[in-house]
Amino acid sequence: MEGQSATSPVTRNQKNKQRLYAAAAAFVFALLVVGIYQLTTTNTGEAPRLATVRITASGFEPATLSVEKGTKITWVNDDSILHQIASNPFPSGTGLPGLKSQILNNDQAYTYVATTGGTFGYHDQLKPTINGTLVVKK
């Protein structure tokens, strides 16, 4: 059979499968990229705002934190004793609803998203002499 391709149907099927797998892999990769982008940006297209407050033996660092609305704030217990974040006033913690952590062991963290504008005092529920201020810009 001169003039005809020497490619067998099996080889063509294998090449078609390879193309299909490559197309599927490219599609999955594209979905992954889009998903990661959406997880790391806000609906305005900006990267999410993040802030960290360290809890140490000498108090909150920084003691006063100013953030924009929508900022994700994480308190990290860098002390060797237990701490618990709560909004003022002590002991009710009702000044900023939602700002109350579980009891934090060393190296544990609590995260809060600032959604209400204003200036809010907060304290350590287990050691109320440790105080901080959160300023959420409107």
N, C-alpha and C. Protein backbone atom coordinates (compact mmCIF):
# COMPACT_ATOMS: atom_id res chain seq x y z
N MET A 1 0.83 -1.17 0.00
CA MET A 1 0.00 0.00 0.00
C MET A 1 0.88 1.24 0.00
N GLU A 2 1.39 1.55 -1.15
CA GLU A 2 2.23 2.73 -1.26
C GLU A 2 1.38 3.98 -1.24
N GLY A 3 1.94 5.05 -0.68
CA GLY A 3 1.25 6.32 -0.64
C GLY A 3 0.33 6.48 0.56
N GLN A 4 0.08 5.42 1.32
CA GLN A 4 -0.76 5.52 2.52
C GLN A 4 0.12 5.67 3.76
N SER A 5 -0.43 6.31 4.73
CA SER A 5 0.30 6.54 5.97
C SER A 5 0.52 5.21 6.68
N ALA A 6 1.67 5.11 7.31
CA ALA A 6 1.99 3.90 8.07
C ALA A 6 1.43 3.97 9.48
N THR A 7 0.70 5.04 9.83
CA THR A 7 0.15 5.18 11.17
C THR A 7 -1.04 4.26 11.34
N SER A 8 -0.98 3.46 12.37
CA SER A 8 -2.08 2.53 12.62
C SER A 8 -3.18 3.22 13.41
N PRO A 9 -4.40 2.67 13.40
CA PRO A 9 -5.49 3.25 14.18
C PRO A 9 -5.17 3.30 15.68
N VAL A 10 -4.41 2.35 16.18
CA VAL A 10 -4.06 2.34 17.59
C VAL A 10 -3.19 3.54 17.92
N THR A 11 -2.24 3.85 17.08
CA THR A 11 -1.35 4.98 17.32
C THR A 11 -2.12 6.29 17.26
N ARG A 12 -3.06 6.42 16.30
CA ARG A 12 -3.89 7.63 16.23
C ARG A 12 -4.73 7.77 17.50
N ASN A 13 -5.26 6.67 18.00
CA ASN A 13 -6.04 6.72 19.24
C ASN A 13 -5.19 7.15 20.43
N GLN A 14 -3.96 6.67 20.48
CA GLN A 14 -3.07 7.06 21.56
C GLN A 14 -2.76 8.55 21.49
N LYS A 15 -2.52 9.06 20.28
CA LYS A 15 -2.24 10.49 20.12
C LYS A 15 -3.47 11.33 20.51
N ASN A 16 -4.66 10.85 20.13
CA ASN A 16 -5.87 11.57 20.51
C ASN A 16 -6.06 11.59 22.03
N LYS A 17 -5.75 10.48 22.68
CA LYS A 17 -5.83 10.42 24.14
C LYS A 17 -4.84 11.39 24.77
N GLN A 18 -3.64 11.46 24.22
CA GLN A 18 -2.63 12.37 24.75
C GLN A 18 -3.09 13.82 24.61
N ARG A 19 -3.67 14.14 23.47
CA ARG A 19 -4.18 15.51 23.26
C ARG A 19 -5.31 15.81 24.24
N LEU A 20 -6.19 14.83 24.45
CA LEU A 20 -7.30 15.01 25.37
C LEU A 20 -6.79 15.23 26.79
N TYR A 21 -5.82 14.42 27.22
CA TYR A 21 -5.25 14.57 28.55
C TYR A 21 -4.56 15.93 28.70
N ALA A 22 -3.85 16.36 27.67
CA ALA A 22 -3.17 17.66 27.72
C ALA A 22 -4.19 18.79 27.83
N ALA A 23 -5.28 18.69 27.07
CA ALA A 23 -6.33 19.72 27.13
C ALA A 23 -6.99 19.73 28.50
N ALA A 24 -7.25 18.55 29.06
CA ALA A 24 -7.87 18.46 30.38
C ALA A 24 -6.94 19.04 31.45
N ALA A 25 -5.65 18.74 31.34
CA ALA A 25 -4.68 19.27 32.31
C ALA A 25 -4.61 20.79 32.22
N ALA A 26 -4.63 21.34 31.02
CA ALA A 26 -4.61 22.79 30.84
C ALA A 26 -5.86 23.42 31.44
N PHE A 27 -7.01 22.79 31.26
CA PHE A 27 -8.26 23.30 31.80
C PHE A 27 -8.23 23.30 33.32
N VAL A 28 -7.77 22.20 33.93
CA VAL A 28 -7.69 22.10 35.38
C VAL A 28 -6.71 23.15 35.93
N PHE A 29 -5.60 23.35 35.24
CA PHE A 29 -4.62 24.36 35.65
C PHE A 29 -5.25 25.75 35.63
N ALA A 30 -6.00 26.06 34.57
CA ALA A 30 -6.66 27.37 34.46
C ALA A 30 -7.66 27.56 35.60
N LEU A 31 -8.44 26.53 35.93
CA LEU A 31 -9.38 26.62 37.04
C LEU A 31 -8.66 26.85 38.36
N LEU A 32 -7.54 26.19 38.53
CA LEU A 32 -6.75 26.34 39.75
C LEU A 32 -6.24 27.77 39.89
N VAL A 33 -5.73 28.33 38.82
CA VAL A 33 -5.22 29.70 38.84
C VAL A 33 -6.34 30.68 39.18
N VAL A 34 -7.49 30.54 38.55
CA VAL A 34 -8.63 31.42 38.83
C VAL A 34 -9.08 31.27 40.27
N GLY A 35 -9.14 30.06 40.78
CA GLY A 35 -9.57 29.82 42.15
C GLY A 35 -8.62 30.45 43.16
N ILE A 36 -7.32 30.29 42.95
CA ILE A 36 -6.34 30.89 43.85
C ILE A 36 -6.45 32.41 43.80
N TYR A 37 -6.62 32.98 42.62
CA TYR A 37 -6.76 34.43 42.50
C TYR A 37 -7.97 34.92 43.29
N GLN A 38 -9.08 34.22 43.18
CA GLN A 38 -10.28 34.66 43.88
C GLN A 38 -10.16 34.48 45.38
N LEU A 39 -9.41 33.51 45.85
CA LEU A 39 -9.21 33.32 47.28
C LEU A 39 -8.30 34.39 47.87
N THR A 40 -7.43 34.97 47.06
CA THR A 40 -6.45 35.91 47.58
C THR A 40 -6.75 37.36 47.23
N THR A 41 -7.91 37.64 46.67
CA THR A 41 -8.29 39.02 46.39
C THR A 41 -9.68 39.28 46.91
N THR A 42 -9.96 40.55 47.13
CA THR A 42 -11.30 40.94 47.54
C THR A 42 -12.12 41.18 46.29
N ASN A 43 -13.40 41.52 46.46
CA ASN A 43 -14.24 41.76 45.30
C ASN A 43 -13.85 43.04 44.56
N THR A 44 -12.94 43.82 45.13
CA THR A 44 -12.47 45.02 44.44
C THR A 44 -11.21 44.72 43.64
N GLY A 45 -10.73 43.50 43.72
CA GLY A 45 -9.52 43.12 43.00
C GLY A 45 -8.25 43.39 43.79
N GLU A 46 -8.37 43.94 44.99
CA GLU A 46 -7.21 44.22 45.83
C GLU A 46 -6.88 43.00 46.68
N ALA A 47 -5.62 42.89 47.05
CA ALA A 47 -5.22 41.83 47.96
C ALA A 47 -5.87 42.08 49.32
N PRO A 48 -6.23 41.04 50.05
CA PRO A 48 -6.86 41.25 51.35
C PRO A 48 -5.87 41.93 52.30
N ARG A 49 -6.40 42.74 53.18
CA ARG A 49 -5.57 43.42 54.18
C ARG A 49 -5.42 42.50 55.38
N LEU A 50 -4.20 42.43 55.87
CA LEU A 50 -3.89 41.56 57.01
C LEU A 50 -3.14 42.36 58.06
N ALA A 51 -3.37 42.05 59.32
CA ALA A 51 -2.65 42.68 60.43
C ALA A 51 -2.45 41.64 61.52
N THR A 52 -1.37 41.78 62.27
CA THR A 52 -1.07 40.85 63.35
C THR A 52 -0.79 41.61 64.63
N VAL A 53 -1.35 41.12 65.72
CA VAL A 53 -1.06 41.64 67.05
C VAL A 53 -0.45 40.50 67.84
N ARG A 54 0.73 40.75 68.39
CA ARG A 54 1.38 39.74 69.22
C ARG A 54 0.97 39.94 70.67
N ILE A 55 0.69 38.85 71.37
CA ILE A 55 0.38 38.91 72.79
C ILE A 55 1.64 38.45 73.52
N THR A 56 2.24 39.35 74.28
CA THR A 56 3.49 39.05 74.98
C THR A 56 3.27 39.22 76.48
N ALA A 57 4.30 38.93 77.26
CA ALA A 57 4.23 39.10 78.71
C ALA A 57 4.02 40.57 79.07
N SER A 58 4.43 41.48 78.20
CA SER A 58 4.27 42.91 78.52
C SER A 58 3.02 43.52 77.89
N GLY A 59 2.22 42.74 77.16
CA GLY A 59 0.97 43.25 76.61
C GLY A 59 0.81 43.00 75.13
N PHE A 60 -0.12 43.75 74.53
CA PHE A 60 -0.39 43.63 73.10
C PHE A 60 0.64 44.46 72.32
N GLU A 61 1.15 43.90 71.26
CA GLU A 61 2.10 44.61 70.40
C GLU A 61 1.61 44.53 68.96
N PRO A 62 1.17 45.64 68.37
CA PRO A 62 1.11 46.98 68.94
C PRO A 62 -0.09 47.12 69.88
N ALA A 63 0.01 48.07 70.81
CA ALA A 63 -1.09 48.31 71.76
C ALA A 63 -2.26 48.98 71.06
N THR A 64 -2.00 49.80 70.06
CA THR A 64 -3.04 50.43 69.25
C THR A 64 -2.82 50.03 67.81
N LEU A 65 -3.88 49.54 67.20
CA LEU A 65 -3.81 49.10 65.81
C LEU A 65 -4.86 49.83 65.00
N SER A 66 -4.46 50.47 63.90
CA SER A 66 -5.39 51.15 63.00
C SER A 66 -5.45 50.36 61.69
N VAL A 67 -6.67 50.04 61.27
CA VAL A 67 -6.86 49.23 60.06
C VAL A 67 -8.03 49.78 59.24
N GLU A 68 -8.13 49.34 58.01
CA GLU A 68 -9.27 49.64 57.15
C GLU A 68 -10.35 48.59 57.40
N LYS A 69 -11.60 48.94 57.11
CA LYS A 69 -12.66 47.95 57.17
C LYS A 69 -12.30 46.78 56.25
N GLY A 70 -12.62 45.59 56.69
CA GLY A 70 -12.34 44.39 55.90
C GLY A 70 -11.00 43.76 56.22
N THR A 71 -10.19 44.40 57.07
CA THR A 71 -8.88 43.84 57.42
C THR A 71 -9.06 42.62 58.31
N LYS A 72 -8.28 41.60 58.01
CA LYS A 72 -8.26 40.38 58.82
C LYS A 72 -7.14 40.54 59.85
N ILE A 73 -7.53 40.57 61.13
CA ILE A 73 -6.58 40.78 62.22
C ILE A 73 -6.38 39.47 62.95
N THR A 74 -5.12 39.12 63.17
CA THR A 74 -4.81 37.88 63.88
C THR A 74 -4.01 38.21 65.13
N TRP A 75 -4.51 37.77 66.27
CA TRP A 75 -3.79 37.87 67.53
C TRP A 75 -3.08 36.55 67.74
N VAL A 76 -1.77 36.61 68.03
CA VAL A 76 -0.97 35.40 68.25
C VAL A 76 -0.41 35.44 69.66
N ASN A 77 -0.63 34.37 70.41
CA ASN A 77 -0.13 34.29 71.78
C ASN A 77 1.35 33.88 71.75
N ASP A 78 2.21 34.88 71.95
CA ASP A 78 3.65 34.64 72.02
C ASP A 78 4.13 34.53 73.47
N ASP A 79 3.20 34.44 74.40
CA ASP A 79 3.51 34.36 75.82
C ASP A 79 3.43 32.90 76.26
N SER A 80 3.95 32.63 77.45
CA SER A 80 3.93 31.25 77.97
C SER A 80 2.67 30.96 78.78
N ILE A 81 1.82 31.99 79.00
CA ILE A 81 0.58 31.77 79.76
C ILE A 81 -0.63 31.92 78.84
N LEU A 82 -1.79 31.50 79.35
CA LEU A 82 -3.03 31.58 78.58
C LEU A 82 -3.52 33.01 78.47
N HIS A 83 -4.17 33.33 77.34
CA HIS A 83 -4.77 34.64 77.13
C HIS A 83 -6.10 34.45 76.41
N GLN A 84 -6.98 35.45 76.54
CA GLN A 84 -8.26 35.43 75.82
C GLN A 84 -8.63 36.86 75.45
N ILE A 85 -8.77 37.12 74.16
CA ILE A 85 -9.10 38.45 73.65
C ILE A 85 -10.60 38.68 73.80
N ALA A 86 -10.98 39.89 74.28
CA ALA A 86 -12.39 40.26 74.36
C ALA A 86 -12.50 41.78 74.25
N SER A 87 -13.59 42.24 73.65
CA SER A 87 -13.80 43.69 73.56
C SER A 87 -14.18 44.22 74.93
N ASN A 88 -13.97 45.51 75.13
CA ASN A 88 -14.40 46.17 76.37
C ASN A 88 -15.91 46.30 76.35
N PRO A 89 -16.54 46.52 77.48
CA PRO A 89 -15.98 46.60 78.83
C PRO A 89 -15.78 45.22 79.44
N PHE A 90 -14.86 45.16 80.39
CA PHE A 90 -14.62 43.94 81.14
C PHE A 90 -15.73 43.83 82.18
N PRO A 91 -16.34 42.73 82.47
CA PRO A 91 -16.11 41.41 81.90
C PRO A 91 -17.07 41.05 80.76
N SER A 92 -18.03 41.94 80.44
CA SER A 92 -19.08 41.55 79.48
C SER A 92 -18.58 41.43 78.05
N GLY A 93 -17.62 42.27 77.65
CA GLY A 93 -17.07 42.19 76.30
C GLY A 93 -18.07 42.51 75.21
N THR A 94 -18.98 43.45 75.48
CA THR A 94 -20.05 43.73 74.52
C THR A 94 -19.80 44.95 73.63
N GLY A 95 -18.65 45.59 73.78
CA GLY A 95 -18.37 46.81 73.02
C GLY A 95 -18.24 46.60 71.53
N LEU A 96 -17.74 45.47 71.13
CA LEU A 96 -17.58 45.13 69.71
C LEU A 96 -18.01 43.68 69.53
N PRO A 97 -19.28 43.46 69.20
CA PRO A 97 -19.78 42.09 69.06
C PRO A 97 -18.91 41.25 68.12
N GLY A 98 -18.63 40.06 68.54
CA GLY A 98 -17.83 39.15 67.73
C GLY A 98 -16.36 39.14 68.08
N LEU A 99 -15.90 40.16 68.81
CA LEU A 99 -14.48 40.20 69.19
C LEU A 99 -14.32 39.51 70.54
N LYS A 100 -14.23 38.19 70.49
CA LYS A 100 -13.98 37.40 71.69
C LYS A 100 -13.39 36.06 71.23
N SER A 101 -12.19 35.82 71.68
CA SER A 101 -11.49 34.60 71.26
C SER A 101 -11.77 33.45 72.23
N GLN A 102 -11.37 32.29 71.80
CA GLN A 102 -11.29 31.17 72.71
C GLN A 102 -10.06 31.41 73.58
N ILE A 103 -9.85 30.61 74.59
CA ILE A 103 -8.63 30.72 75.39
C ILE A 103 -7.47 30.25 74.52
N LEU A 104 -6.44 31.09 74.47
CA LEU A 104 -5.30 30.82 73.59
C LEU A 104 -4.10 30.32 74.37
N ASN A 105 -3.63 29.14 74.03
CA ASN A 105 -2.37 28.62 74.55
C ASN A 105 -1.22 29.29 73.81
N ASN A 106 -0.01 29.03 74.26
CA ASN A 106 1.17 29.53 73.57
C ASN A 106 1.15 29.10 72.11
N ASP A 107 1.44 30.04 71.22
CA ASP A 107 1.49 29.84 69.77
C ASP A 107 0.12 29.65 69.11
N GLN A 108 -0.96 29.75 69.86
CA GLN A 108 -2.28 29.70 69.23
C GLN A 108 -2.68 31.10 68.79
N ALA A 109 -3.62 31.15 67.83
CA ALA A 109 -4.02 32.43 67.25
C ALA A 109 -5.54 32.54 67.18
N TYR A 110 -5.99 33.79 67.12
CA TYR A 110 -7.40 34.11 66.95
C TYR A 110 -7.49 35.16 65.85
N THR A 111 -8.43 34.98 64.93
CA THR A 111 -8.58 35.91 63.81
C THR A 111 -9.97 36.53 63.82
N TYR A 112 -9.99 37.83 63.54
CA TYR A 112 -11.22 38.61 63.52
C TYR A 112 -11.16 39.51 62.28
N VAL A 113 -12.28 39.64 61.58
CA VAL A 113 -12.35 40.54 60.43
C VAL A 113 -13.06 41.81 60.87
N ALA A 114 -12.39 42.95 60.71
CA ALA A 114 -12.92 44.24 61.13
C ALA A 114 -13.97 44.73 60.14
N THR A 115 -15.22 44.70 60.56
CA THR A 115 -16.31 45.10 59.67
C THR A 115 -17.05 46.34 60.15
N THR A 116 -16.83 46.74 61.41
CA THR A 116 -17.52 47.89 61.98
C THR A 116 -16.52 49.01 62.21
N GLY A 117 -16.81 50.19 61.66
CA GLY A 117 -15.92 51.32 61.82
C GLY A 117 -16.03 51.93 63.21
N GLY A 118 -14.92 52.49 63.70
CA GLY A 118 -14.90 53.15 65.00
C GLY A 118 -13.65 52.81 65.78
N THR A 119 -13.61 53.29 67.01
CA THR A 119 -12.49 53.02 67.92
C THR A 119 -13.01 52.14 69.05
N PHE A 120 -12.33 51.02 69.26
CA PHE A 120 -12.80 50.03 70.21
C PHE A 120 -11.66 49.61 71.14
N GLY A 121 -11.96 49.59 72.42
CA GLY A 121 -11.01 49.06 73.38
C GLY A 121 -11.22 47.56 73.50
N TYR A 122 -10.14 46.87 73.81
CA TYR A 122 -10.24 45.43 74.07
C TYR A 122 -9.24 45.08 75.15
N HIS A 123 -9.35 43.90 75.69
CA HIS A 123 -8.52 43.48 76.81
C HIS A 123 -8.30 41.98 76.77
N ASP A 124 -7.45 41.53 77.68
CA ASP A 124 -7.26 40.09 77.91
C ASP A 124 -8.24 39.70 79.00
N GLN A 125 -9.18 38.86 78.68
CA GLN A 125 -10.22 38.45 79.63
C GLN A 125 -9.62 37.75 80.84
N LEU A 126 -8.48 37.08 80.68
CA LEU A 126 -7.87 36.34 81.78
C LEU A 126 -6.90 37.20 82.59
N LYS A 127 -6.47 38.31 81.99
CA LYS A 127 -5.56 39.25 82.66
C LYS A 127 -5.99 40.65 82.24
N PRO A 128 -7.08 41.18 82.82
CA PRO A 128 -7.72 42.41 82.34
C PRO A 128 -6.87 43.67 82.40
N THR A 129 -5.70 43.60 83.02
CA THR A 129 -4.82 44.77 83.01
C THR A 129 -4.11 44.94 81.67
N ILE A 130 -4.18 43.93 80.82
CA ILE A 130 -3.61 44.04 79.47
C ILE A 130 -4.71 44.58 78.56
N ASN A 131 -4.47 45.76 78.00
CA ASN A 131 -5.46 46.44 77.18
C ASN A 131 -4.89 46.84 75.83
N GLY A 132 -5.79 46.96 74.86
CA GLY A 132 -5.40 47.42 73.53
C GLY A 132 -6.52 48.25 72.92
N THR A 133 -6.19 48.90 71.82
CA THR A 133 -7.18 49.71 71.10
C THR A 133 -7.16 49.33 69.64
N LEU A 134 -8.34 49.13 69.09
CA LEU A 134 -8.51 48.84 67.67
C LEU A 134 -9.25 50.00 67.02
N VAL A 135 -8.62 50.61 66.01
CA VAL A 135 -9.24 51.70 65.27
C VAL A 135 -9.55 51.17 63.89
N VAL A 136 -10.84 51.15 63.55
CA VAL A 136 -11.26 50.67 62.24
C VAL A 136 -11.75 51.89 61.45
N LYS A 137 -10.99 52.25 60.42
CA LYS A 137 -11.33 53.43 59.62
C LYS A 137 -12.57 53.15 58.80
N LYS A 138 -13.45 54.15 58.75
CA LYS A 138 -14.73 53.99 58.07
C LYS A 138 -14.64 54.09 56.59
